[in-house]
C-alpha atoms as a PDB file:
ATOM      1  CA  MET A   1      -0.235   0.054  -0.173  1.00  0.00           C
ATOM      2  CA  LYS A   2       3.127   2.576   0.631  1.00  0.00           C
ATOM      3  CA  LYS A   3       4.720   1.671  -2.543  1.00  0.00           C
ATOM      4  CA  LEU A   4       1.560   1.844  -4.437  1.00  0.00           C
ATOM      5  CA  LEU A   5       0.553   5.980  -2.549  1.00  0.00           C
ATOM      6  CA  LEU A   6       4.368   6.549  -3.005  1.00  0.00           C
ATOM      7  CA  LEU A   7       3.858   5.973  -6.854  1.00  0.00           C
ATOM      8  CA  PHE A   8       0.766   7.463  -6.850  1.00  0.00           C
ATOM      9  CA  LEU A   9       2.307  10.643  -5.513  1.00  0.00           C
ATOM     10  CA  VAL A  10       5.442  10.895  -7.735  1.00  0.00           C
ATOM     11  CA  LEU A  11       3.270  10.314 -10.741  1.00  0.00           C
ATOM     12  CA  ILE A  12       1.142  13.116  -9.656  1.00  0.00           C
ATOM     13  CA  SER A  13       3.782  14.874  -9.056  1.00  0.00           C
ATOM     14  CA  SER A  14       5.742  14.239 -12.241  1.00  0.00           C
ATOM     15  CA  VAL A  15       2.470  15.831 -13.872  1.00  0.00           C
ATOM     16  CA  THR A  16       2.269  18.785 -12.093  1.00  0.00           C
ATOM     17  CA  PHE A  17       5.698  19.477 -13.269  1.00  0.00           C
ATOM     18  CA  ALA A  18       4.944  19.297 -16.761  1.00  0.00           C
ATOM     19  CA  GLN A  19       2.095  21.523 -16.962  1.00  0.00           C
ATOM     20  CA  ASP A  20       3.630  24.129 -14.780  1.00  0.00           C
ATOM     21  CA  SER A  21       6.858  24.261 -17.465  1.00  0.00           C
ATOM     22  CA  GLN A  22       4.359  23.995 -20.433  1.00  0.00           C
ATOM     23  CA  ASN A  23       2.212  26.961 -18.773  1.00  0.00           C
ATOM     24  CA  THR A  24       5.582  29.253 -18.456  1.00  0.00           C
ATOM     25  CA  GLN A  25       6.684  27.981 -21.814  1.00  0.00           C
ATOM     26  CA  THR A  26       3.371  29.282 -23.794  1.00  0.00           C
ATOM     27  CA  THR A  27       2.621  32.586 -22.094  1.00  0.00           C
ATOM     28  CA  GLU A  28       3.555  35.917 -23.377  1.00  0.00           C
ATOM     29  CA  PRO A  29       3.680  38.952 -21.297  1.00  0.00           C
ATOM     30  CA  ASP A  30       1.256  40.658 -21.157  1.00  0.00           C
ATOM     31  CA  LYS A  31       1.039  44.573 -23.145  1.00  0.00           C
ATOM     32  CA  ARG A  32       0.673  46.141 -20.489  1.00  0.00           C
ATOM     33  CA  ASP A  33       4.233  44.964 -18.934  1.00  0.00           C
ATOM     34  CA  ILE A  34       5.915  45.433 -22.242  1.00  0.00           C
ATOM     35  CA  THR A  35       4.932  48.802 -24.400  1.00  0.00           C
ATOM     36  CA  GLN A  36       5.732  51.981 -23.571  1.00  0.00           C
ATOM     37  CA  ASN A  37       3.577  54.356 -24.987  1.00  0.00           C
ATOM     38  CA  GLU A  38       0.522  55.496 -24.402  1.00  0.00           C
ATOM     39  CA  LEU A  39      -2.020  57.685 -26.025  1.00  0.00           C
ATOM     40  CA  SER A  40      -5.053  59.682 -24.028  1.00  0.00           C
ATOM     41  CA  ILE A  41      -8.191  61.600 -23.709  1.00  0.00           C
ATOM     42  CA  GLY A  42      -8.827  63.586 -21.445  1.00  0.00           C
ATOM     43  CA  ALA A  43     -12.684  62.708 -20.484  1.00  0.00           C
ATOM     44  CA  LEU A  44     -14.055  64.764 -17.793  1.00  0.00           C
ATOM     45  CA  ASN A  45     -12.600  67.576 -19.675  1.00  0.00           C
ATOM     46  CA  LEU A  46     -14.502  67.137 -22.926  1.00  0.00           C
ATOM     47  CA  VAL A  47     -18.107  65.599 -21.133  1.00  0.00           C
ATOM     48  CA  ALA A  48     -17.631  67.886 -18.701  1.00  0.00           C
ATOM     49  CA  PHE A  49     -16.506  71.098 -19.823  1.00  0.00           C
ATOM     50  CA  GLY A  50     -16.316  70.810 -24.100  1.00  0.00           C
ATOM     51  CA  ALA A  51     -12.357  70.886 -24.021  1.00  0.00           C
ATOM     52  CA  LEU A  52     -10.150  68.886 -26.141  1.00  0.00           C
ATOM     53  CA  ASP A  53      -7.147  67.170 -23.909  1.00  0.00           C
ATOM     54  CA  LEU A  54      -4.759  64.577 -25.853  1.00  0.00           C
ATOM     55  CA  THR A  55      -1.566  63.337 -23.524  1.00  0.00           C
ATOM     56  CA  TYR A  56       0.931  61.043 -25.522  1.00  0.00           C
ATOM     57  CA  GLU A  57       3.025  59.276 -22.400  1.00  0.00           C
ATOM     58  CA  ARG A  58       6.885  57.268 -23.363  1.00  0.00           C
ATOM     59  CA  ILE A  59       7.552  55.472 -20.453  1.00  0.00           C
ATOM     60  CA  ILE A  60      10.791  55.295 -19.744  1.00  0.00           C
ATOM     61  CA  ASP A  61      11.228  52.363 -17.303  1.00  0.00           C
ATOM     62  CA  LYS A  62       9.130  50.702 -15.052  1.00  0.00           C
ATOM     63  CA  ASN A  63       8.784  53.532 -12.307  1.00  0.00           C
ATOM     64  CA  SER A  64       9.284  56.612 -14.447  1.00  0.00           C
ATOM     65  CA  SER A  65       7.596  58.618 -17.645  1.00  0.00           C
ATOM     66  CA  TRP A  66       7.155  61.765 -19.264  1.00  0.00           C
ATOM     67  CA  ALA A  67       4.868  63.198 -21.133  1.00  0.00           C
ATOM     68  CA  ILE A  68       2.924  65.967 -23.351  1.00  0.00           C
ATOM     69  CA  GLU A  69      -0.586  67.602 -23.086  1.00  0.00           C
ATOM     70  CA  GLY A  70      -2.339  69.615 -25.400  1.00  0.00           C
ATOM     71  CA  PHE A  71      -5.566  71.440 -24.109  1.00  0.00           C
ATOM     72  CA  ILE A  72      -7.918  73.287 -26.017  1.00  0.00           C
ATOM     73  CA  LYS A  73     -11.398  74.580 -24.990  1.00  0.00           C
ATOM     74  CA  ALA A  74     -13.552  74.163 -26.914  1.00  0.00           C
ATOM     75  CA  LEU A  75     -16.855  76.200 -25.052  1.00  0.00           C
ATOM     76  CA  ASP A  76     -17.461  79.861 -26.143  1.00  0.00           C
ATOM     77  CA  ARG A  77     -17.279  81.440 -22.135  1.00  0.00           C
ATOM     78  CA  ASP A  78     -20.385  83.706 -23.004  1.00  0.00           C
ATOM     79  CA  ASN A  79     -22.926  81.213 -24.539  1.00  0.00           C
ATOM     80  CA  GLU A  80     -21.976  78.266 -21.948  1.00  0.00           C
ATOM     81  CA  ASN A  81     -23.020  78.308 -18.203  1.00  0.00           C
ATOM     82  CA  ILE A  82     -20.176  77.097 -17.114  1.00  0.00           C
ATOM     83  CA  ASP A  83     -18.818  79.772 -14.650  1.00  0.00           C
ATOM     84  CA  ASP A  84     -15.385  80.037 -16.002  1.00  0.00           C
ATOM     85  CA  ALA A  85     -14.484  76.374 -15.242  1.00  0.00           C
ATOM     86  CA  PHE A  86     -11.015  77.363 -17.388  1.00  0.00           C
ATOM     87  CA  TYR A  87      -9.449  80.820 -17.118  1.00  0.00           C
ATOM     88  CA  LYS A  88      -7.256  79.014 -19.881  1.00  0.00           C
ATOM     89  CA  ASP A  89      -7.824  78.653 -23.258  1.00  0.00           C
ATOM     90  CA  PHE A  90      -5.002  76.456 -24.487  1.00  0.00           C
ATOM     91  CA  SER A  91      -2.328  74.886 -22.451  1.00  0.00           C
ATOM     92  CA  LEU A  92       1.316  72.504 -23.390  1.00  0.00           C
ATOM     93  CA  THR A  93       1.649  71.049 -20.323  1.00  0.00           C
ATOM     94  CA  GLY A  94       5.169  68.978 -19.728  1.00  0.00           C
ATOM     95  CA  LYS A  95       5.041  66.192 -17.076  1.00  0.00           C
ATOM     96  CA  TYR A  96       7.593  63.805 -15.256  1.00  0.00           C
ATOM     97  CA  LYS A  97       6.047  61.003 -13.412  1.00  0.00           C
ATOM     98  CA  TYR A  98       7.481  58.448 -10.802  1.00  0.00           C
ATOM     99  CA  PHE A  99       5.554  55.158  -9.719  1.00  0.00           C
ATOM    100  CA  PHE A 100       5.884  53.667  -6.726  1.00  0.00           C
ATOM    101  CA  GLY A 101       5.851  50.134  -6.302  1.00  0.00           C
ATOM    102  CA  ASP A 102       6.542  46.603  -8.386  1.00  0.00           C
ATOM    103  CA  ARG A 103       3.892  47.501 -11.815  1.00  0.00           C
ATOM    104  CA  TYR A 104       5.450  48.753 -14.456  1.00  0.00           C
ATOM    105  CA  ALA A 105       4.000  51.364 -15.063  1.00  0.00           C
ATOM    106  CA  ARG A 106       1.263  51.925 -13.065  1.00  0.00           C
ATOM    107  CA  GLY A 107      -0.234  52.796  -9.856  1.00  0.00           C
ATOM    108  CA  PHE A 108       0.404  55.211  -7.304  1.00  0.00           C
ATOM    109  CA  TYR A 109       2.421  58.221  -9.059  1.00  0.00           C
ATOM    110  CA  VAL A 110       3.650  62.097  -7.891  1.00  0.00           C
ATOM    111  CA  HIS A 111       4.736  64.690 -11.011  1.00  0.00           C
ATOM    112  CA  GLY A 112       6.396  67.409 -11.270  1.00  0.00           C
ATOM    113  CA  PHE A 113       5.128  69.503 -14.483  1.00  0.00           C
ATOM    114  CA  GLY A 114       5.334  72.988 -16.583  1.00  0.00           C
ATOM    115  CA  MET A 115       2.602  74.933 -18.299  1.00  0.00           C
ATOM    116  CA  LEU A 116       2.300  77.124 -20.735  1.00  0.00           C
ATOM    117  CA  SER A 117      -0.876  78.729 -20.795  1.00  0.00           C
ATOM    118  CA  SER A 118      -2.732  81.302 -22.487  1.00  0.00           C
ATOM    119  CA  GLY A 119      -6.232  82.647 -21.962  1.00  0.00           C
ATOM    120  CA  GLU A 120      -8.818  85.363 -20.358  1.00  0.00           C
ATOM    121  CA  TYR A 121      -8.474  86.458 -16.965  1.00  0.00           C
ATOM    122  CA  ASP A 122     -10.400  88.724 -15.160  1.00  0.00           C
ATOM    123  CA  ASP A 123      -8.459  90.416 -12.970  1.00  0.00           C
ATOM    124  CA  ASN A 124     -10.001  93.801 -12.642  1.00  0.00           C
ATOM    125  CA  TYR A 125     -13.454  94.478 -11.391  1.00  0.00           C
ATOM    126  CA  VAL A 126     -14.761  98.225 -12.506  1.00  0.00           C
ATOM    127  CA  VAL A 127     -17.238 100.756 -11.594  1.00  0.00           C
ATOM    128  CA  GLY A 128     -19.016 102.046 -14.169  1.00  0.00           C
ATOM    129  CA  PRO A 129     -20.719 106.189 -14.122  1.00  0.00           C
ATOM    130  CA  ASP A 130     -24.189 104.011 -13.050  1.00  0.00           C
ATOM    131  CA  GLY A 131     -22.356 102.495 -10.247  1.00  0.00           C
ATOM    132  CA  TYR A 132     -22.708  99.008 -11.221  1.00  0.00           C
ATOM    133  CA  GLY A 133     -19.684  96.876 -11.462  1.00  0.00           C
ATOM    134  CA  TYR A 134     -17.958  94.581 -13.915  1.00  0.00           C
ATOM    135  CA  TYR A 135     -14.858  92.316 -14.623  1.00  0.00           C
ATOM    136  CA  GLU A 136     -12.504  93.467 -16.874  1.00  0.00           C
ATOM    137  CA  TYR A 137     -11.103  89.774 -19.037  1.00  0.00           C
ATOM    138  CA  GLU A 138      -7.032  90.882 -20.307  1.00  0.00           C
ATOM    139  CA  ASN A 139      -5.183  88.579 -22.188  1.00  0.00           C
ATOM    140  CA  TYR A 140      -1.814  86.663 -21.066  1.00  0.00           C
ATOM    141  CA  THR A 141       0.121  84.350 -22.133  1.00  0.00           C
ATOM    142  CA  ASP A 142       1.818  82.385 -18.784  1.00  0.00           C
ATOM    143  CA  PHE A 143       4.326  79.818 -17.564  1.00  0.00           C
ATOM    144  CA  ALA A 144       3.569  77.674 -14.402  1.00  0.00           C
ATOM    145  CA  LEU A 145       5.250  75.129 -12.161  1.00  0.00           C
ATOM    146  CA  GLY A 146       3.909  72.486  -9.945  1.00  0.00           C
ATOM    147  CA  PHE A 147       3.333  69.194  -8.931  1.00  0.00           C
ATOM    148  CA  GLY A 148       0.456  66.672  -8.125  1.00  0.00           C
ATOM    149  CA  VAL A 149      -0.673  62.996  -7.809  1.00  0.00           C
ATOM    150  CA  GLY A 150      -2.227  60.120  -9.262  1.00  0.00           C
ATOM    151  CA  GLY A 151      -2.875  56.654 -10.088  1.00  0.00           C
ATOM    152  CA  LYS A 152      -3.268  54.983 -12.903  1.00  0.00           C
ATOM    153  CA  PHE A 153      -4.944  51.579 -13.801  1.00  0.00           C
ATOM    154  CA  VAL A 154      -4.226  49.555 -16.714  1.00  0.00           C
ATOM    155  CA  SER A 155      -5.743  46.363 -17.766  1.00  0.00           C
ATOM    156  CA  THR A 156      -3.693  43.443 -19.363  1.00  0.00           C
ATOM    157  CA  GLY A 157      -4.784  44.305 -23.362  1.00  0.00           C
ATOM    158  CA  GLY A 158      -3.536  47.805 -22.591  1.00  0.00           C
ATOM    159  CA  PHE A 159      -6.161  50.079 -21.912  1.00  0.00           C
ATOM    160  CA  PHE A 160      -6.328  52.169 -18.839  1.00  0.00           C
ATOM    161  CA  LEU A 161      -7.672  55.090 -16.659  1.00  0.00           C
ATOM    162  CA  ASP A 162      -5.309  57.389 -14.908  1.00  0.00           C
ATOM    163  CA  LEU A 163      -6.655  59.998 -12.112  1.00  0.00           C
ATOM    164  CA  GLY A 164      -4.549  62.900 -11.307  1.00  0.00           C
ATOM    165  CA  ALA A 165      -5.057  66.029  -9.746  1.00  0.00           C
ATOM    166  CA  GLY A 166      -2.092  68.874  -9.334  1.00  0.00           C
ATOM    167  CA  ILE A 167      -1.416  72.158  -8.450  1.00  0.00           C
ATOM    168  CA  GLY A 168       0.817  75.097  -9.514  1.00  0.00           C
ATOM    169  CA  ARG A 169       1.759  78.644  -9.597  1.00  0.00           C
ATOM    170  CA  ASN A 170       2.271  80.762 -13.119  1.00  0.00           C
ATOM    171  CA  LEU A 171       5.557  82.645 -12.904  1.00  0.00           C
ATOM    172  CA  LEU A 172       5.907  85.597 -15.805  1.00  0.00           C
ATOM    173  CA  SER A 173       2.653  87.510 -16.258  1.00  0.00           C
ATOM    174  CA  GLU A 174       0.484  89.978 -13.726  1.00  0.00           C
ATOM    175  CA  ASN A 175      -2.642  89.516 -15.838  1.00  0.00           C
ATOM    176  CA  SER A 176      -2.705  85.672 -15.215  1.00  0.00           C
ATOM    177  CA  PRO A 177      -4.134  83.464 -12.839  1.00  0.00           C
ATOM    178  CA  THR A 178      -1.954  83.072  -9.707  1.00  0.00           C
ATOM    179  CA  ILE A 179      -2.654  79.301  -8.729  1.00  0.00           C
ATOM    180  CA  VAL A 180      -3.280  76.523 -11.746  1.00  0.00           C
ATOM    181  CA  GLY A 181      -5.109  73.711 -11.146  1.00  0.00           C
ATOM    182  CA  GLN A 182      -4.883  70.114 -12.917  1.00  0.00           C
ATOM    183  CA  PHE A 183      -7.959  67.705 -12.443  1.00  0.00           C
ATOM    184  CA  ASN A 184      -7.217  64.931 -14.946  1.00  0.00           C
ATOM    185  CA  VAL A 185     -10.196  61.640 -15.550  1.00  0.00           C
ATOM    186  CA  ASN A 186      -7.823  60.216 -19.153  1.00  0.00           C
ATOM    187  CA  LEU A 187      -8.911  57.001 -20.722  1.00  0.00           C
ATOM    188  CA  GLY A 188      -6.123  55.489 -23.207  1.00  0.00           C
ATOM    189  CA  PHE A 189      -5.129  52.781 -24.547  1.00  0.00           C
ATOM    190  CA  ARG A 190      -1.079  51.706 -24.102  1.00  0.00           C
ATOM    191  CA  PHE A 191       0.347  50.488 -26.734  1.00  0.00           C
END
């Protein structure tokens, strides 16, 4: 009986070992763990504010990446009831992201950014001769530096959701908003 049990255990372990070695040879790594390029669109900005926000991101290694974001506001501020969600009409932003953890360029991250932006800002409150006040809009172009945090969730096929927020400060113009904010809900594909 002992010999039969021993023979049975040896047979099962050899079949299990053969299946493990066979599985490791036929599986390929997931797309999310070997590709280095990503394209995404800012879904929140597009749906809620009518702004086109496109991002290209290049993965440097498993813990870091750089990205370029282009933002164009498509809504007419005077005809939409958005309450000046964005003072900027156009921006170009460069980012460097550092990911924490052992997973390949995904999960929790921190980032630093530089943003060149232009638009209209209601900096001056003017009281007219009739006693009523109004804001005067002035055009601006400025450069901001800032930082932020976020999280990237990538599927095995390469689709991802990137949630992030950042804050920065404009440095050059008196006619621009002092503080700039970024709130991203990006949907994209890693290829």
